[in-house]
Amino acid sequence: MTTDTTFASLGLAEPLLRAIAEAGYTQPTPIQAQAIPQVLAGGDLLAAAQTGTGKTAGFTLPVLHMLAATHVHPHPPGRPRCLILTPTRELAAQVEESVQVYGKHLPLTSLVMFGGVNINPQIAALKKRVDILVATPGRLLDHVGQRTLDLSGVEILVLDEADRMLDMGFIRDIRKVLALLPKKRQNLLFSATFSDEIRELANGLLHQPRTVEVAPRNTTAERVEQSVYLIGQKQKRELLAHLIKKHQWFQALVFTRTKHGANKLAEYLSKHDIPAAAIHGNKSQAARTRALSEFKDGSLPVLVATDIAARGLDIDQLPQVVNFELPNVAEDYVHRIGRTGRAGADGNAISLVDGEEANLLAAIERLIKRRLTRAIADDFVPSAGAEAAHDADHQREPLPRRGGQPRRGDGNGRNERGGAAKGPSPSRPANRPQGSPQREVDGNRSPRNATRQEADGNRMPSSRPDVDGNRATPPRRNDAGGRRSDQAAAHGDRQGQNRRPAQRAALFAPRGNGNGNR
C-alpha cells in the first residue's frame, strides 16, 4: 500500500465512503488495500492477516458495495444473500456491528445469530428481509433444523477466523453448512495464518482463489513492547495488583489458563480495590456481554479472560495485555499480545513467569525469534501472608470424575484446552479408550476423533458445546461423592462480576480506614 492510497481509489460507493469518513478512518490498512479490490473483482479469496490489522473491514466494505449494487426488491424473508461465519459469539457481534456502521447509508439489512440467548427473537427477525447474516455454526444449523432459515440464496460466503474454527473443531459443522449453500457463489476465507490445515480447507472450498498475505506467519505486533517478570507463582497476584496501581492501568486484559484461575484472580483484584471481572465459557452470555461492554467503555479497568473466551475480541486502543500465566501453546502468545498495538497504536504486553514456566517461555522466544526483555519491580515487596493466602486458594480437592481422573477445566491443573496446566503438551488420560471422543469442558477436542460439535450451546442436554467451544457444565451433586453445588462453584464469579466499578478518581485509593470499610 502506498501512502496516497485512499478508500475512494479502491472503487467503493459514495455511501460507504461517507460512512468510513464518519467513523474517522482516512486511509485503508494494508490488508484492506489489497483485499478490497480482489473481492470487488468477484473471485474467491484466501487472505491471511495478523489480528488487529483491519481485516473485518477488508471484507465487509466490498460485500456491502456488491450487495448494494445488485439490490432488488422484494427480497424473500429469511433468505440471506451473504453469510458470514465466525467461531465465537463476541466476534459475530463485532462483525455485525461493523456491517451496521459501514452500511448505515445503504438500503441493506443485517442480522446476527448465536447461541446462549433466546432463539425466538432470531426466528422473528428471519420473518423479515435479511441481506447479511452473521452467525456461529451451531445456532445457524439449529435454525436450519427448525426450517426458519433458507440458505439457498447465499451469493457470498465469508469464513472469518477460519484457523480458530478448525482449532475449535467446527470442521464438521462447516461442511454441513457448505452442503446447504448454492454451488455458484463467491467464497472469502480469512485467517490469521496460512497453516497446512487452512490450505487443505481452502483447496476444498475455494475455486482458483487469489491470495493476500500481509504479515509473515507467527510474527508479533511490531508496535507492542514486550517484557517478562520472573516471579514465583505465589507472588503473581500481588505483583499484578502492584503494577496496576503503580501505573494506573485503566484498561488491562489479563490472560489465565483456567476458568477457575480467572474467577479467583478477578475476585482477588476486586477485593483489593481494583474492579475486575472474568469472562470464560462457563459464564452466561449476558454476563460476558456486560463485562466486555464495561471494559470497552472504561468503567471496568481489568478484564480477566481465558484464551477461548478472548478469541475474536476487538477492542480499539487496548494499551495493556498481561499474561498472568503463559499459554501451553507458543502460538497462542502471539494471538494474546495481538490484542494490543492495533491499528498503528502503541501497546504493552507483560508476562509473569515462574520457574516451572521456563520451558514455555523458551518455546515462545524460539517462535518469535527474539529474547523478551527481563523486567524487575524494584519497589515491589510481597506481603508475609502472600504464600499462605495462595496455598489456601489452591488446596481444593480435585472433583471426582469417571475413571478417577480429575475434571478438565476446573482449575485443578487443567486448562481450557484440556492440557496440563504446567507443561507444553497435553496428554490423554490413561484410562481413556483409544479413539473415543475426547471432549473437554470447553468443547475443544481433537477434530480427528470428534463427534459433532455445536457452536452455541443453547440446547439441552448439556453435552453440546457453546459458541466458543465451551460446554455448559451439568449440575453438580451435593452428595457423598463430594461434588460442589452450582451455587458454590459460581460464588467466585458473582463476587467479581457484580461489584460496581469505582469512580476513576478513587480507583487506586489505599485500602482500609480502621473500621473495616474500603
Protein backbone atom coordinates (compact mmCIF):
# COMPACT_ATOMS: atom_id res chain seq x y z
CA MET A 1 0.00 0.00 0.00
CA THR A 2 1.33 3.42 -0.91
CA THR A 3 0.81 6.49 1.23
CA ASP A 4 -1.56 8.03 -1.34
CA THR A 5 -3.95 5.06 -1.36
CA THR A 6 -7.43 6.14 -0.28
CA PHE A 7 -10.73 4.34 0.17
CA ALA A 8 -12.09 6.29 -2.81
CA SER A 9 -9.28 4.96 -5.02
CA LEU A 10 -10.38 1.41 -4.18
CA GLY A 11 -13.64 1.95 -6.05
CA LEU A 12 -16.08 1.90 -3.13
CA ALA A 13 -19.51 3.51 -3.45
CA GLU A 14 -20.15 7.02 -2.13
CA PRO A 15 -22.46 5.93 0.76
CA LEU A 16 -19.68 3.67 2.02
CA LEU A 17 -17.07 6.43 1.73
CA ARG A 18 -19.34 8.70 3.74
CA ALA A 19 -19.75 6.09 6.49
CA ILE A 20 -15.99 5.45 6.57
CA ALA A 21 -15.29 9.16 6.96
CA GLU A 22 -17.89 9.45 9.73
CA ALA A 23 -16.19 6.55 11.53
CA GLY A 24 -12.94 8.57 11.48
CA TYR A 25 -10.90 6.50 9.04
CA THR A 26 -8.86 8.18 6.30
CA GLN A 27 -6.56 5.56 4.78
CA PRO A 28 -7.00 1.81 4.32
CA THR A 29 -4.73 -0.61 6.14
CA PRO A 30 -2.54 -2.95 4.05
CA ILE A 31 -5.00 -5.85 4.25
CA GLN A 32 -7.86 -3.55 3.23
CA ALA A 33 -5.90 -2.02 0.34
CA GLN A 34 -5.11 -5.48 -1.03
CA ALA A 35 -8.27 -7.41 -0.22
CA ILE A 36 -10.99 -4.92 -1.20
CA PRO A 37 -10.09 -4.76 -4.93
CA GLN A 38 -9.76 -8.56 -5.03
CA VAL A 39 -13.20 -9.07 -3.50
CA LEU A 40 -14.75 -6.47 -5.80
CA ALA A 41 -13.31 -8.38 -8.76
CA GLY A 42 -15.72 -11.18 -7.91
CA GLY A 43 -13.43 -14.19 -7.45
CA ASP A 44 -12.63 -16.32 -4.41
CA LEU A 45 -10.07 -15.02 -1.94
CA LEU A 46 -7.74 -16.58 0.62
CA ALA A 47 -6.44 -13.87 2.96
CA ALA A 48 -4.10 -14.02 5.94
CA ALA A 49 -3.62 -11.05 8.24
CA GLN A 50 -2.38 -10.57 11.76
CA THR A 51 -5.09 -9.81 14.29
CA GLY A 52 -5.85 -6.10 14.67
CA THR A 53 -4.96 -5.19 11.09
CA GLY A 54 -8.47 -4.25 9.99
CA LYS A 55 -9.39 -7.43 8.12
CA THR A 56 -13.07 -7.18 9.15
CA ALA A 57 -13.47 -4.03 7.06
CA GLY A 58 -11.44 -5.81 4.39
CA PHE A 59 -14.44 -7.98 3.62
CA THR A 60 -17.45 -6.07 5.00
CA LEU A 61 -16.83 -2.99 2.82
CA PRO A 62 -16.64 -4.79 -0.56
CA VAL A 63 -19.51 -7.13 0.40
CA LEU A 64 -21.73 -4.14 1.19
CA HIS A 65 -20.68 -2.48 -2.08
CA MET A 66 -21.58 -5.52 -4.20
CA LEU A 67 -24.89 -6.28 -2.46
CA ALA A 68 -25.99 -2.65 -2.76
CA ALA A 69 -25.12 -2.59 -6.46
CA THR A 70 -27.44 -5.56 -7.14
CA HIS A 71 -30.12 -4.72 -4.58
CA VAL A 72 -33.53 -5.86 -5.81
CA HIS A 73 -37.00 -5.52 -4.22
CA PRO A 74 -38.77 -7.51 -2.98
CA HIS A 75 -36.31 -9.81 -1.26
CA PRO A 76 -37.72 -13.05 0.24
CA PRO A 77 -37.74 -13.07 4.07
CA GLY A 78 -35.33 -15.35 5.90
CA ARG A 79 -33.19 -15.83 2.78
CA PRO A 80 -29.84 -14.02 3.25
CA ARG A 81 -27.67 -13.04 0.30
CA CYS A 82 -24.42 -13.06 2.29
CA LEU A 83 -23.44 -15.46 5.08
CA ILE A 84 -20.55 -14.64 7.42
CA LEU A 85 -19.49 -17.48 9.74
CA THR A 86 -17.45 -16.76 12.87
CA PRO A 87 -16.21 -19.08 15.65
CA THR A 88 -17.36 -17.08 18.68
CA ARG A 89 -20.34 -15.08 19.86
CA GLU A 90 -18.27 -11.99 20.60
CA LEU A 91 -16.71 -11.95 17.16
CA ALA A 92 -20.11 -12.45 15.49
CA ALA A 93 -21.50 -9.45 17.37
CA GLN A 94 -18.49 -7.30 16.45
CA VAL A 95 -18.63 -8.22 12.76
CA GLU A 96 -22.34 -7.39 12.59
CA GLU A 97 -21.62 -4.08 14.34
CA SER A 98 -19.11 -3.26 11.59
CA VAL A 99 -21.72 -4.12 8.96
CA GLN A 100 -24.12 -1.65 10.58
CA VAL A 101 -21.50 1.10 10.92
CA TYR A 102 -20.31 0.92 7.31
CA GLY A 103 -23.70 0.14 5.79
CA LYS A 104 -25.80 2.74 7.59
CA HIS A 105 -26.36 4.77 4.40
CA LEU A 106 -27.32 1.72 2.33
CA PRO A 107 -30.76 0.04 1.99
CA LEU A 108 -29.43 -3.26 3.32
CA THR A 109 -30.39 -5.21 6.43
CA SER A 110 -28.29 -7.46 8.66
CA LEU A 111 -28.84 -9.96 11.46
CA VAL A 112 -26.53 -11.65 13.96
CA MET A 113 -27.36 -15.05 15.48
CA PHE A 114 -25.51 -17.09 18.08
CA GLY A 115 -26.29 -19.40 20.96
CA GLY A 116 -26.60 -18.69 24.66
CA VAL A 117 -29.58 -16.40 24.06
CA ASN A 118 -33.27 -16.91 23.31
CA ILE A 119 -33.81 -18.21 19.79
CA ASN A 120 -37.31 -16.74 19.39
CA PRO A 121 -36.25 -13.12 18.62
CA GLN A 122 -33.97 -14.52 15.90
CA ILE A 123 -36.87 -16.53 14.45
CA ALA A 124 -38.99 -13.37 14.43
CA ALA A 125 -36.22 -11.39 12.69
CA LEU A 126 -35.95 -14.08 10.00
CA LYS A 127 -39.56 -13.43 9.03
CA LYS A 128 -38.30 -10.17 7.54
CA ARG A 129 -35.81 -9.43 4.77
CA VAL A 130 -32.17 -10.15 5.72
CA ASP A 131 -29.35 -9.29 3.32
CA ILE A 132 -26.33 -10.13 5.51
CA LEU A 133 -26.41 -12.86 8.14
CA VAL A 134 -23.55 -13.14 10.67
CA ALA A 135 -23.71 -16.40 12.59
CA THR A 136 -21.93 -19.07 14.58
CA PRO A 137 -22.17 -22.55 13.05
CA GLY A 138 -24.19 -24.32 15.75
CA ARG A 139 -27.01 -21.79 16.06
CA LEU A 140 -27.13 -21.50 12.27
CA LEU A 141 -27.73 -25.24 11.98
CA ASP A 142 -30.37 -25.02 14.72
CA HIS A 143 -32.34 -22.60 12.54
CA VAL A 144 -31.87 -24.81 9.51
CA GLY A 145 -33.22 -27.75 11.51
CA GLN A 146 -36.28 -25.71 12.52
CA ARG A 147 -36.75 -24.57 8.92
CA THR A 148 -36.69 -20.91 9.92
CA LEU A 149 -33.76 -20.13 7.60
CA ASP A 150 -33.26 -20.57 3.86
CA LEU A 151 -29.64 -20.64 2.67
CA SER A 152 -30.41 -21.28 -0.99
CA GLY A 153 -29.95 -17.60 -1.89
CA VAL A 154 -26.44 -17.07 -0.50
CA GLU A 155 -24.31 -15.26 -3.08
CA ILE A 156 -21.25 -14.62 -0.86
CA LEU A 157 -19.81 -16.83 1.89
CA VAL A 158 -17.24 -15.45 4.33
CA LEU A 159 -15.34 -17.65 6.80
CA ASP A 160 -13.79 -15.34 9.37
CA GLU A 161 -11.07 -16.54 11.78
CA ALA A 162 -11.03 -19.82 9.86
CA ASP A 163 -7.96 -21.07 11.71
CA ARG A 164 -9.80 -20.71 15.02
CA MET A 165 -12.80 -22.58 13.66
CA LEU A 166 -10.55 -25.50 12.83
CA ASP A 167 -8.82 -25.31 16.21
CA MET A 168 -12.20 -25.47 17.94
CA GLY A 169 -13.38 -28.49 15.98
CA PHE A 170 -16.02 -26.83 13.80
CA ILE A 171 -14.98 -28.53 10.57
CA ARG A 172 -17.97 -30.92 10.56
CA ASP A 173 -20.44 -28.08 11.10
CA ILE A 174 -18.76 -26.07 8.35
CA ARG A 175 -19.13 -28.96 5.94
CA LYS A 176 -22.81 -29.30 6.81
CA VAL A 177 -23.33 -25.60 6.14
CA LEU A 178 -21.46 -25.80 2.81
CA ALA A 179 -23.76 -28.61 1.69
CA LEU A 180 -26.76 -26.28 2.15
CA LEU A 181 -25.37 -23.43 0.03
CA PRO A 182 -25.78 -22.97 -3.73
CA LYS A 183 -22.82 -24.24 -5.73
CA LYS A 184 -22.39 -20.93 -7.55
CA ARG A 185 -21.20 -18.36 -5.02
CA GLN A 186 -18.21 -16.23 -4.07
CA ASN A 187 -16.09 -17.57 -1.19
CA LEU A 188 -13.86 -15.47 1.07
CA LEU A 189 -11.66 -17.17 3.66
CA PHE A 190 -9.88 -15.00 6.24
CA SER A 191 -7.35 -16.43 8.69
CA ALA A 192 -4.53 -15.26 10.94
CA THR A 193 -2.14 -17.75 9.35
CA PHE A 194 -1.77 -19.97 6.29
CA SER A 195 -1.33 -23.25 8.16
CA ASP A 196 -1.37 -26.59 6.38
CA GLU A 197 -4.89 -27.20 7.70
CA ILE A 198 -6.10 -23.87 6.33
CA ARG A 199 -4.64 -24.60 2.90
CA GLU A 200 -6.33 -28.00 2.93
CA LEU A 201 -9.68 -26.36 3.76
CA ALA A 202 -9.12 -23.72 1.07
CA ASN A 203 -8.38 -26.39 -1.56
CA GLY A 204 -11.77 -27.98 -0.95
CA LEU A 205 -13.71 -24.71 -0.67
CA LEU A 206 -12.17 -22.10 -2.95
CA HIS A 207 -12.01 -22.09 -6.74
CA GLN A 208 -8.80 -20.63 -8.18
CA PRO A 209 -8.54 -18.15 -5.30
CA ARG A 210 -6.42 -15.04 -5.23
CA THR A 211 -4.13 -14.90 -2.20
CA VAL A 212 -3.39 -11.97 0.09
CA GLU A 213 -0.92 -12.13 2.97
CA VAL A 214 0.21 -9.00 4.78
CA ALA A 215 2.16 -10.42 7.73
CA PRO A 216 4.64 -13.29 7.99
CA ARG A 217 3.45 -16.33 9.90
CA ASN A 218 3.69 -16.15 13.70
CA THR A 219 5.17 -12.65 13.86
CA THR A 220 4.27 -10.48 16.85
CA ALA A 221 3.00 -6.95 16.56
CA GLU A 222 5.92 -4.62 15.89
CA ARG A 223 4.45 -1.80 17.98
CA VAL A 224 3.97 -3.95 21.10
CA GLU A 225 6.60 -3.57 23.82
CA GLN A 226 7.10 -6.99 25.43
CA SER A 227 8.68 -7.80 28.78
CA VAL A 228 8.84 -10.58 31.38
CA TYR A 229 8.78 -10.50 35.18
CA LEU A 230 10.40 -13.62 36.67
CA ILE A 231 8.49 -14.24 39.89
CA GLY A 232 7.16 -17.14 41.94
CA GLN A 233 3.62 -18.29 41.31
CA LYS A 234 2.59 -17.39 44.86
CA GLN A 235 3.54 -13.72 44.41
CA LYS A 236 1.98 -13.18 40.98
CA ARG A 237 -1.33 -11.78 42.18
CA GLU A 238 0.30 -9.26 44.48
CA LEU A 239 2.71 -8.14 41.77
CA LEU A 240 -0.13 -7.73 39.27
CA ALA A 241 -2.12 -5.60 41.72
CA HIS A 242 1.02 -3.57 42.44
CA LEU A 243 1.68 -2.90 38.75
CA ILE A 244 -1.94 -1.95 38.04
CA LYS A 245 -1.97 0.59 40.86
CA LYS A 246 1.53 1.92 40.23
CA HIS A 247 1.00 2.52 36.51
CA GLN A 248 -2.73 3.27 36.88
CA TRP A 249 -3.80 0.90 34.13
CA PHE A 250 -7.36 1.75 33.27
CA GLN A 251 -7.74 -0.93 30.60
CA ALA A 252 -5.79 -4.17 31.02
CA LEU A 253 -6.69 -7.54 29.52
CA VAL A 254 -5.27 -10.34 31.70
CA PHE A 255 -4.96 -13.95 30.48
CA THR A 256 -5.13 -17.04 32.67
CA ARG A 257 -5.00 -20.70 31.69
CA THR A 258 -8.10 -21.92 33.54
CA LYS A 259 -11.62 -20.74 34.20
CA HIS A 260 -11.19 -21.31 37.94
CA GLY A 261 -7.99 -19.27 37.86
CA ALA A 262 -9.76 -16.42 36.05
CA ASN A 263 -12.50 -16.36 38.69
CA LYS A 264 -10.05 -16.38 41.60
CA LEU A 265 -7.86 -13.65 40.11
CA ALA A 266 -10.83 -11.35 39.35
CA GLU A 267 -12.10 -11.90 42.90
CA TYR A 268 -8.67 -11.13 44.37
CA LEU A 269 -8.29 -7.89 42.40
CA SER A 270 -11.81 -6.76 43.29
CA LYS A 271 -11.10 -7.34 46.98
CA HIS A 272 -8.02 -5.16 46.63
CA ASP A 273 -9.90 -2.16 45.22
CA ILE A 274 -9.27 -2.94 41.55
CA PRO A 275 -12.64 -3.55 39.81
CA ALA A 276 -12.26 -6.68 37.69
CA ALA A 277 -14.45 -9.29 36.02
CA ALA A 278 -13.75 -12.67 34.47
CA ILE A 279 -15.05 -13.98 31.15
CA HIS A 280 -14.89 -17.61 30.08
CA GLY A 281 -17.04 -20.35 28.64
CA ASN A 282 -18.93 -21.09 31.87
CA LYS A 283 -20.18 -17.51 32.11
CA SER A 284 -23.60 -16.71 30.74
CA GLN A 285 -23.75 -14.75 27.52
CA ALA A 286 -25.37 -11.84 29.38
CA ALA A 287 -22.52 -11.74 31.91
CA ARG A 288 -19.89 -11.90 29.17
CA THR A 289 -21.56 -9.15 27.16
CA ARG A 290 -21.93 -6.91 30.23
CA ALA A 291 -18.31 -7.36 31.30
CA LEU A 292 -16.98 -6.71 27.80
CA SER A 293 -19.16 -3.61 27.42
CA GLU A 294 -17.95 -2.15 30.72
CA PHE A 295 -14.35 -2.96 29.81
CA LYS A 296 -14.68 -1.23 26.45
CA ASP A 297 -16.24 1.94 27.87
CA GLY A 298 -13.55 2.20 30.57
CA SER A 299 -15.74 1.64 33.63
CA LEU A 300 -14.13 -1.75 34.27
CA PRO A 301 -10.32 -1.41 34.30
CA VAL A 302 -9.40 -5.12 34.31
CA LEU A 303 -10.86 -7.98 32.30
CA VAL A 304 -9.56 -11.46 33.16
CA ALA A 305 -10.05 -13.95 30.32
CA THR A 306 -9.14 -17.41 29.14
CA ASP A 307 -7.81 -17.93 25.62
CA ILE A 308 -11.10 -19.42 24.42
CA ALA A 309 -13.22 -16.51 25.65
CA ALA A 310 -10.83 -13.87 24.30
CA ARG A 311 -10.80 -15.18 20.73
CA GLY A 312 -12.13 -12.56 18.37
CA LEU A 313 -12.24 -9.75 20.94
CA ASP A 314 -11.80 -6.47 19.07
CA ILE A 315 -11.00 -3.65 21.47
CA ASP A 316 -9.79 -0.39 19.98
CA GLN A 317 -6.70 1.20 21.51
CA LEU A 318 -6.20 -1.51 24.14
CA PRO A 319 -2.99 -0.36 25.87
CA GLN A 320 -2.12 -3.31 28.10
CA VAL A 321 -2.11 -7.11 27.89
CA VAL A 322 -0.88 -9.27 30.78
CA ASN A 323 -0.03 -12.96 30.61
CA PHE A 324 -0.71 -13.94 34.22
CA GLU A 325 0.25 -17.43 33.10
CA LEU A 326 1.96 -18.35 29.85
CA PRO A 327 -0.09 -20.39 27.37
CA ASN A 328 0.79 -24.03 26.78
CA VAL A 329 0.92 -23.41 23.02
CA ALA A 330 3.50 -20.83 21.95
CA GLU A 331 1.39 -19.60 19.02
CA ASP A 332 -1.30 -18.52 21.48
CA TYR A 333 1.14 -15.99 22.93
CA VAL A 334 1.17 -14.23 19.56
CA HIS A 335 -2.63 -14.13 19.47
CA ARG A 336 -2.80 -12.85 23.04
CA ILE A 337 -0.43 -9.92 22.65
CA GLY A 338 -2.00 -9.12 19.27
CA ARG A 339 -4.94 -7.69 21.23
CA THR A 340 -2.85 -4.59 21.89
CA GLY A 341 -0.85 -2.40 19.49
CA ARG A 342 -3.69 -2.39 16.96
CA ALA A 343 -4.28 -0.07 14.05
CA GLY A 344 -0.99 1.79 14.46
CA ALA A 345 -1.33 2.36 18.20
CA ASP A 346 1.41 1.52 20.68
CA GLY A 347 0.83 -1.34 23.09
CA ASN A 348 2.44 -3.05 26.03
CA ALA A 349 2.47 -6.76 26.92
CA ILE A 350 3.99 -8.20 30.08
CA SER A 351 4.23 -11.81 31.22
CA LEU A 352 4.51 -13.08 34.80
CA VAL A 353 6.65 -16.20 34.63
CA ASP A 354 7.59 -18.63 37.41
CA GLY A 355 10.31 -21.27 37.34
CA GLU A 356 8.03 -24.05 36.12
CA GLU A 357 7.10 -21.98 33.05
CA ALA A 358 10.70 -21.62 31.86
CA ASN A 359 10.21 -24.18 29.10
CA LEU A 360 7.08 -22.38 27.87
CA LEU A 361 8.95 -19.07 27.79
CA ALA A 362 11.80 -20.67 25.83
CA ALA A 363 9.31 -22.05 23.29
CA ILE A 364 7.77 -18.60 22.83
CA GLU A 365 11.16 -16.95 22.32
CA ARG A 366 12.10 -19.58 19.74
CA LEU A 367 8.84 -18.97 17.89
CA ILE A 368 9.14 -15.18 17.73
CA LYS A 369 12.92 -15.36 17.24
CA ARG A 370 13.78 -12.87 19.95
CA ARG A 371 14.59 -12.76 23.64
CA LEU A 372 12.00 -10.94 25.71
CA THR A 373 13.19 -8.15 27.98
CA ARG A 374 13.50 -9.17 31.65
CA ALA A 375 11.89 -6.54 33.86
CA ILE A 376 12.37 -6.05 37.61
CA ALA A 377 9.90 -4.45 40.00
CA ASP A 378 12.39 -2.89 42.41
CA ASP A 379 9.69 -1.28 44.53
CA PHE A 380 7.62 -4.48 44.96
CA VAL A 381 7.75 -6.19 48.36
CA PRO A 382 5.45 -9.21 48.72
CA SER A 383 3.46 -9.40 51.94
CA ALA A 384 4.28 -12.06 54.51
CA GLY A 385 0.86 -13.67 54.07
CA ALA A 386 1.01 -13.99 50.29
CA GLU A 387 2.11 -17.62 50.27
CA ALA A 388 -0.43 -18.74 52.86
CA ALA A 389 -3.29 -16.99 51.06
CA HIS A 390 -2.24 -18.53 47.75
CA ASP A 391 -1.98 -22.00 49.29
CA ALA A 392 -5.46 -21.69 50.78
CA ASP A 393 -6.87 -20.95 47.34
CA HIS A 394 -5.24 -24.00 45.78
CA GLN A 395 -5.89 -26.68 48.42
CA ARG A 396 -9.25 -27.60 46.91
CA GLU A 397 -9.69 -31.33 46.38
CA PRO A 398 -9.99 -32.43 42.74
CA LEU A 399 -13.57 -33.00 41.68
CA PRO A 400 -14.32 -36.70 41.09
CA ARG A 401 -14.63 -37.91 37.54
CA ARG A 402 -15.40 -41.22 35.93
CA GLY A 403 -12.27 -43.34 35.79
CA GLY A 404 -10.73 -41.47 38.72
CA GLN A 405 -9.33 -38.65 36.56
CA PRO A 406 -9.69 -35.01 37.64
CA ARG A 407 -12.29 -32.93 35.81
CA ARG A 408 -10.88 -30.88 32.94
CA GLY A 409 -11.04 -27.11 33.13
CA ASP A 410 -11.90 -27.00 36.84
CA GLY A 411 -8.71 -25.25 37.91
CA ASN A 412 -7.13 -28.40 39.28
CA GLY A 413 -4.17 -28.28 36.97
CA ARG A 414 -6.18 -28.42 33.75
CA ASN A 415 -6.59 -25.63 31.25
CA GLU A 416 -9.50 -24.80 28.95
CA ARG A 417 -7.96 -26.76 26.12
CA GLY A 418 -7.71 -29.77 28.38
CA GLY A 419 -3.90 -29.57 28.53
CA ALA A 420 -1.86 -29.84 31.68
CA ALA A 421 -1.54 -26.50 33.44
CA LYS A 422 2.22 -26.85 33.74
CA GLY A 423 3.88 -28.23 30.65
CA PRO A 424 3.87 -27.61 26.94
CA SER A 425 1.74 -30.51 25.73
CA PRO A 426 -1.47 -32.17 26.98
CA SER A 427 -1.76 -35.92 27.27
CA ARG A 428 -4.61 -38.42 27.13
CA PRO A 429 -5.77 -39.91 30.47
CA ALA A 430 -4.50 -43.44 30.85
CA ASN A 431 -7.97 -44.93 31.14
CA ARG A 432 -9.44 -43.29 28.03
CA PRO A 433 -10.17 -45.86 25.29
CA GLN A 434 -8.16 -45.32 22.15
CA GLY A 435 -10.23 -43.47 19.54
CA SER A 436 -13.03 -42.43 21.89
CA PRO A 437 -14.30 -38.83 21.54
CA GLN A 438 -12.09 -36.57 23.61
CA ARG A 439 -14.40 -33.82 24.84
CA GLU A 440 -13.05 -31.10 27.08
CA VAL A 441 -15.15 -28.98 29.39
CA ASP A 442 -14.92 -26.17 26.84
CA GLY A 443 -15.67 -28.40 23.86
CA ASN A 444 -12.20 -28.38 22.34
CA ARG A 445 -11.10 -31.79 21.20
CA SER A 446 -9.12 -33.50 18.52
CA PRO A 447 -11.03 -32.94 15.27
CA ARG A 448 -9.92 -36.37 14.00
CA ASN A 449 -11.92 -38.35 16.56
CA ALA A 450 -14.51 -35.73 17.43
CA THR A 451 -18.23 -36.21 17.25
CA ARG A 452 -20.45 -33.32 16.18
CA GLN A 453 -19.64 -30.05 17.90
CA GLU A 454 -22.23 -27.31 18.12
CA ALA A 455 -21.26 -23.68 18.25
CA ASP A 456 -23.86 -22.21 20.50
CA GLY A 457 -24.63 -24.43 23.47
CA ASN A 458 -28.22 -23.28 23.61
CA ARG A 459 -29.78 -26.76 23.50
CA MET A 460 -30.12 -29.26 26.31
CA PRO A 461 -28.74 -31.68 27.28
CA SER A 462 -25.50 -30.01 28.16
CA SER A 463 -23.40 -32.33 26.03
CA ARG A 464 -23.49 -29.75 23.24
CA PRO A 465 -20.69 -27.16 23.45
CA ASP A 466 -21.39 -23.46 23.09
CA VAL A 467 -20.12 -20.93 20.58
CA ASP A 468 -16.58 -20.71 21.78
CA GLY A 469 -16.49 -24.37 22.33
CA ASN A 470 -17.46 -24.31 26.00
CA ARG A 471 -19.96 -26.94 27.05
CA ALA A 472 -22.48 -25.97 29.69
CA THR A 473 -21.46 -27.73 32.91
CA PRO A 474 -24.18 -30.11 34.22
CA PRO A 475 -25.50 -29.56 37.76
CA ARG A 476 -23.08 -30.86 40.35
CA ARG A 477 -24.47 -33.20 43.00
CA ASN A 478 -24.04 -32.13 46.61
CA ASP A 479 -23.78 -35.71 47.78
CA ALA A 480 -21.30 -38.06 49.44
CA GLY A 481 -19.27 -38.07 46.25
CA GLY A 482 -18.04 -34.62 47.21
CA ARG A 483 -19.40 -32.66 44.22
CA ARG A 484 -19.95 -28.98 44.84
CA SER A 485 -23.25 -27.28 44.10
CA ASP A 486 -23.64 -24.86 41.21
CA GLN A 487 -24.09 -22.08 43.73
CA ALA A 488 -20.73 -22.78 45.36
CA ALA A 489 -18.99 -23.15 42.01
CA ALA A 490 -20.36 -19.80 40.83
CA HIS A 491 -19.61 -17.94 44.07
CA GLY A 492 -16.32 -16.55 42.79
CA ASP A 493 -17.96 -15.42 39.54
CA ARG A 494 -20.57 -13.32 41.29
CA GLN A 495 -18.10 -11.73 43.68
CA GLY A 496 -16.07 -10.21 40.86
CA GLN A 497 -18.87 -9.73 38.34
CA ASN A 498 -21.48 -7.96 40.46
CA ARG A 499 -19.16 -5.46 42.07
CA ARG A 500 -19.92 -1.97 40.78
CA PRO A 501 -16.80 -0.27 39.31
CA ALA A 502 -15.46 2.58 41.43
CA GLN A 503 -15.04 6.07 40.08
CA ARG A 504 -11.67 6.55 38.40
CA ALA A 505 -10.66 9.27 40.83
CA ALA A 506 -10.95 6.85 43.76
CA LEU A 507 -9.92 3.73 41.93
CA PHE A 508 -6.45 3.45 43.39
CA ALA A 509 -7.18 4.83 46.86
CA PRO A 510 -5.45 2.94 49.73
CA ARG A 511 -7.49 0.25 51.47
CA GLY A 512 -8.88 0.46 54.96
CA ASN A 513 -9.82 3.23 57.30
CA GLY A 514 -9.72 1.36 60.60
CA ASN A 515 -13.37 0.33 60.68
CA GLY A 516 -13.41 -2.36 58.01
CA ASN A 517 -14.64 -0.10 55.20
CA ARG A 518 -12.80 0.45 51.94
